[in-house]
Amino acid sequence: MTTWRIAATLIAALALAGPAGAQEERKYCEGFCSCELLWVERNEYYFEADYCFRSKLGAAVFNPVREALDFPCTTDAPSFPADIQRRVDRIREMERAHNCAAERENWNPLDLRAIFAAG
């Protein structure tokens, strides 16, 4: 690869990354975030923290993934680093603002699992 291509690749990567923390704010979302995307992102943090999902929807989406990966849950009360906790709190605010809880009963766990797998 020529020097100019390496430089162009680095510049493009930095432009896409944006300021520090910008990608955290847009893990699944660009602009308006659907309730499904918000829910998946928020619960992915819990999944990564070894949370044991008890809700019907959470269990249907994440427990089969845990079983397939042999990745057992270990906690009912995960603790997050400060930056992740701020993001989880922000997602909850957005979910409340969009009245996402009212939509949740109509969601298909397989659709949510596909979002999770694609992320």
C-alpha atoms as a PDB file:
ATOM      1  CA  MET A   1       0.000   0.000   0.000  1.00  0.00           C
ATOM      2  CA  THR A   2       1.395   3.388  -0.929  1.00  0.00           C
ATOM      3  CA  THR A   3       2.056   6.082   1.628  1.00  0.00           C
ATOM      4  CA  TRP A   4      -0.803   8.272   0.400  1.00  0.00           C
ATOM      5  CA  ARG A   5      -3.266   5.374   0.697  1.00  0.00           C
ATOM      6  CA  ILE A   6      -2.134   4.686   4.242  1.00  0.00           C
ATOM      7  CA  ALA A   7      -2.537   8.380   5.105  1.00  0.00           C
ATOM      8  CA  ALA A   8      -5.957   8.529   3.425  1.00  0.00           C
ATOM      9  CA  THR A   9      -7.080   5.431   5.308  1.00  0.00           C
ATOM     10  CA  LEU A  10      -5.963   6.903   8.650  1.00  0.00           C
ATOM     11  CA  ILE A  11      -7.656  10.233   7.930  1.00  0.00           C
ATOM     12  CA  ALA A  12     -10.892   8.473   6.958  1.00  0.00           C
ATOM     13  CA  ALA A  13     -10.791   6.335  10.099  1.00  0.00           C
ATOM     14  CA  LEU A  14     -10.283   9.396  12.298  1.00  0.00           C
ATOM     15  CA  ALA A  15     -13.086  11.262  10.545  1.00  0.00           C
ATOM     16  CA  LEU A  16     -15.469   8.348  11.076  1.00  0.00           C
ATOM     17  CA  ALA A  17     -14.491   8.004  14.718  1.00  0.00           C
ATOM     18  CA  GLY A  18     -15.186  11.660  15.479  1.00  0.00           C
ATOM     19  CA  PRO A  19     -14.435  13.080  18.907  1.00  0.00           C
ATOM     20  CA  ALA A  20     -13.686  10.738  21.783  1.00  0.00           C
ATOM     21  CA  GLY A  21     -16.860   9.100  23.023  1.00  0.00           C
ATOM     22  CA  ALA A  22     -18.878   9.923  19.915  1.00  0.00           C
ATOM     23  CA  GLN A  23     -19.113   6.303  18.845  1.00  0.00           C
ATOM     24  CA  GLU A  24     -20.406   5.344  22.287  1.00  0.00           C
ATOM     25  CA  GLU A  25     -23.379   7.656  21.724  1.00  0.00           C
ATOM     26  CA  ARG A  26     -24.134   6.039  18.384  1.00  0.00           C
ATOM     27  CA  LYS A  27     -23.582   2.369  18.970  1.00  0.00           C
ATOM     28  CA  TYR A  28     -26.778   1.455  17.088  1.00  0.00           C
ATOM     29  CA  CYS A  29     -28.330   4.829  16.396  1.00  0.00           C
ATOM     30  CA  GLU A  30     -27.847   7.659  13.953  1.00  0.00           C
ATOM     31  CA  GLY A  31     -30.168  10.560  14.631  1.00  0.00           C
ATOM     32  CA  PHE A  32     -33.499   9.177  15.828  1.00  0.00           C
ATOM     33  CA  CYS A  33     -33.168   5.889  17.661  1.00  0.00           C
ATOM     34  CA  SER A  34     -36.006   3.401  17.444  1.00  0.00           C
ATOM     35  CA  CYS A  35     -37.232   1.876  20.653  1.00  0.00           C
ATOM     36  CA  GLU A  36     -35.979  -1.532  19.533  1.00  0.00           C
ATOM     37  CA  LEU A  37     -32.456  -0.239  18.924  1.00  0.00           C
ATOM     38  CA  LEU A  38     -32.410   1.544  22.249  1.00  0.00           C
ATOM     39  CA  TRP A  39     -33.624  -1.559  24.073  1.00  0.00           C
ATOM     40  CA  VAL A  40     -31.052  -3.799  22.407  1.00  0.00           C
ATOM     41  CA  GLU A  41     -28.175  -1.428  23.076  1.00  0.00           C
ATOM     42  CA  ARG A  42     -29.128  -0.964  26.731  1.00  0.00           C
ATOM     43  CA  ASN A  43     -29.542  -4.680  27.298  1.00  0.00           C
ATOM     44  CA  GLU A  44     -26.346  -5.534  25.459  1.00  0.00           C
ATOM     45  CA  TYR A  45     -24.466  -3.699  28.219  1.00  0.00           C
ATOM     46  CA  TYR A  46     -26.236  -5.931  30.740  1.00  0.00           C
ATOM     47  CA  PHE A  47     -25.438  -9.019  28.662  1.00  0.00           C
ATOM     48  CA  GLU A  48     -21.759  -8.073  28.578  1.00  0.00           C
ATOM     49  CA  ALA A  49     -21.844  -7.559  32.365  1.00  0.00           C
ATOM     50  CA  ASP A  50     -23.065 -11.174  32.815  1.00  0.00           C
ATOM     51  CA  TYR A  51     -26.569 -10.113  33.841  1.00  0.00           C
ATOM     52  CA  CYS A  52     -29.132 -12.889  34.306  1.00  0.00           C
ATOM     53  CA  PHE A  53     -32.189 -11.817  32.310  1.00  0.00           C
ATOM     54  CA  ARG A  54     -35.469 -12.592  34.052  1.00  0.00           C
ATOM     55  CA  SER A  55     -38.003 -10.734  31.916  1.00  0.00           C
ATOM     56  CA  LYS A  56     -39.737 -12.784  29.263  1.00  0.00           C
ATOM     57  CA  LEU A  57     -38.382 -10.596  26.450  1.00  0.00           C
ATOM     58  CA  GLY A  58     -34.841 -10.323  27.806  1.00  0.00           C
ATOM     59  CA  ALA A  59     -34.636 -14.055  28.405  1.00  0.00           C
ATOM     60  CA  ALA A  60     -35.994 -14.833  24.921  1.00  0.00           C
ATOM     61  CA  VAL A  61     -33.432 -12.564  23.262  1.00  0.00           C
ATOM     62  CA  PHE A  62     -30.278 -13.120  25.296  1.00  0.00           C
ATOM     63  CA  ASN A  63     -30.479 -16.502  27.036  1.00  0.00           C
ATOM     64  CA  PRO A  64     -30.248 -18.555  23.798  1.00  0.00           C
ATOM     65  CA  VAL A  65     -27.147 -16.564  22.867  1.00  0.00           C
ATOM     66  CA  ARG A  66     -25.639 -17.275  26.281  1.00  0.00           C
ATOM     67  CA  GLU A  67     -26.338 -20.973  25.871  1.00  0.00           C
ATOM     68  CA  ALA A  68     -24.892 -21.106  22.352  1.00  0.00           C
ATOM     69  CA  LEU A  69     -21.721 -19.319  23.472  1.00  0.00           C
ATOM     70  CA  ASP A  70     -21.478 -21.175  26.780  1.00  0.00           C
ATOM     71  CA  PHE A  71     -21.405 -17.722  28.410  1.00  0.00           C
ATOM     72  CA  PRO A  72     -23.276 -18.113  31.717  1.00  0.00           C
ATOM     73  CA  CYS A  73     -24.862 -15.258  33.600  1.00  0.00           C
ATOM     74  CA  THR A  74     -23.455 -14.526  37.022  1.00  0.00           C
ATOM     75  CA  THR A  75     -25.313 -11.536  38.466  1.00  0.00           C
ATOM     76  CA  ASP A  76     -28.710  -9.975  39.025  1.00  0.00           C
ATOM     77  CA  ALA A  77     -27.153  -6.602  39.837  1.00  0.00           C
ATOM     78  CA  PRO A  78     -24.299  -5.697  37.487  1.00  0.00           C
ATOM     79  CA  SER A  79     -22.141  -2.649  38.098  1.00  0.00           C
ATOM     80  CA  PHE A  80     -20.909  -0.635  35.140  1.00  0.00           C
ATOM     81  CA  PRO A  81     -17.960   1.663  34.601  1.00  0.00           C
ATOM     82  CA  ALA A  82     -19.041   5.320  34.847  1.00  0.00           C
ATOM     83  CA  ASP A  83     -19.139   5.905  31.073  1.00  0.00           C
ATOM     84  CA  ILE A  84     -21.333   2.857  30.474  1.00  0.00           C
ATOM     85  CA  GLN A  85     -23.633   3.776  33.366  1.00  0.00           C
ATOM     86  CA  ARG A  86     -24.081   7.250  31.857  1.00  0.00           C
ATOM     87  CA  ARG A  87     -24.948   5.688  28.498  1.00  0.00           C
ATOM     88  CA  VAL A  88     -27.429   3.254  30.093  1.00  0.00           C
ATOM     89  CA  ASP A  89     -29.040   6.146  31.960  1.00  0.00           C
ATOM     90  CA  ARG A  90     -29.224   8.203  28.738  1.00  0.00           C
ATOM     91  CA  ILE A  91     -30.830   5.302  26.874  1.00  0.00           C
ATOM     92  CA  ARG A  92     -33.447   4.940  29.622  1.00  0.00           C
ATOM     93  CA  GLU A  93     -34.223   8.660  29.316  1.00  0.00           C
ATOM     94  CA  MET A  94     -34.677   8.283  25.548  1.00  0.00           C
ATOM     95  CA  GLU A  95     -36.866   5.199  26.043  1.00  0.00           C
ATOM     96  CA  ARG A  96     -39.107   7.154  28.430  1.00  0.00           C
ATOM     97  CA  ALA A  97     -39.258  10.142  26.066  1.00  0.00           C
ATOM     98  CA  HIS A  98     -40.378   7.870  23.201  1.00  0.00           C
ATOM     99  CA  ASN A  99     -42.816   5.889  25.404  1.00  0.00           C
ATOM    100  CA  CYS A 100     -41.032   2.690  24.386  1.00  0.00           C
ATOM    101  CA  ALA A 101     -42.577   0.566  27.134  1.00  0.00           C
ATOM    102  CA  ALA A 102     -45.947   0.786  25.362  1.00  0.00           C
ATOM    103  CA  GLU A 103     -44.475  -0.783  22.209  1.00  0.00           C
ATOM    104  CA  ARG A 104     -42.517  -3.575  23.864  1.00  0.00           C
ATOM    105  CA  GLU A 105     -45.342  -6.120  24.067  1.00  0.00           C
ATOM    106  CA  ASN A 106     -45.510  -6.278  20.257  1.00  0.00           C
ATOM    107  CA  TRP A 107     -41.824  -6.942  19.655  1.00  0.00           C
ATOM    108  CA  ASN A 108     -40.560 -10.189  18.178  1.00  0.00           C
ATOM    109  CA  PRO A 109     -37.597 -11.594  20.147  1.00  0.00           C
ATOM    110  CA  LEU A 110     -36.090 -13.004  16.944  1.00  0.00           C
ATOM    111  CA  ASP A 111     -35.999  -9.523  15.394  1.00  0.00           C
ATOM    112  CA  LEU A 112     -34.286  -8.154  18.491  1.00  0.00           C
ATOM    113  CA  ARG A 113     -31.803 -11.025  18.517  1.00  0.00           C
ATOM    114  CA  ALA A 114     -30.953 -10.223  14.877  1.00  0.00           C
ATOM    115  CA  ILE A 115     -30.259  -6.605  15.841  1.00  0.00           C
ATOM    116  CA  PHE A 116     -28.050  -7.819  18.681  1.00  0.00           C
ATOM    117  CA  ALA A 117     -26.184 -10.245  16.421  1.00  0.00           C
ATOM    118  CA  ALA A 118     -25.615  -7.580  13.776  1.00  0.00           C
ATOM    119  CA  GLY A 119     -24.224  -5.089  16.306  1.00  0.00           C
END
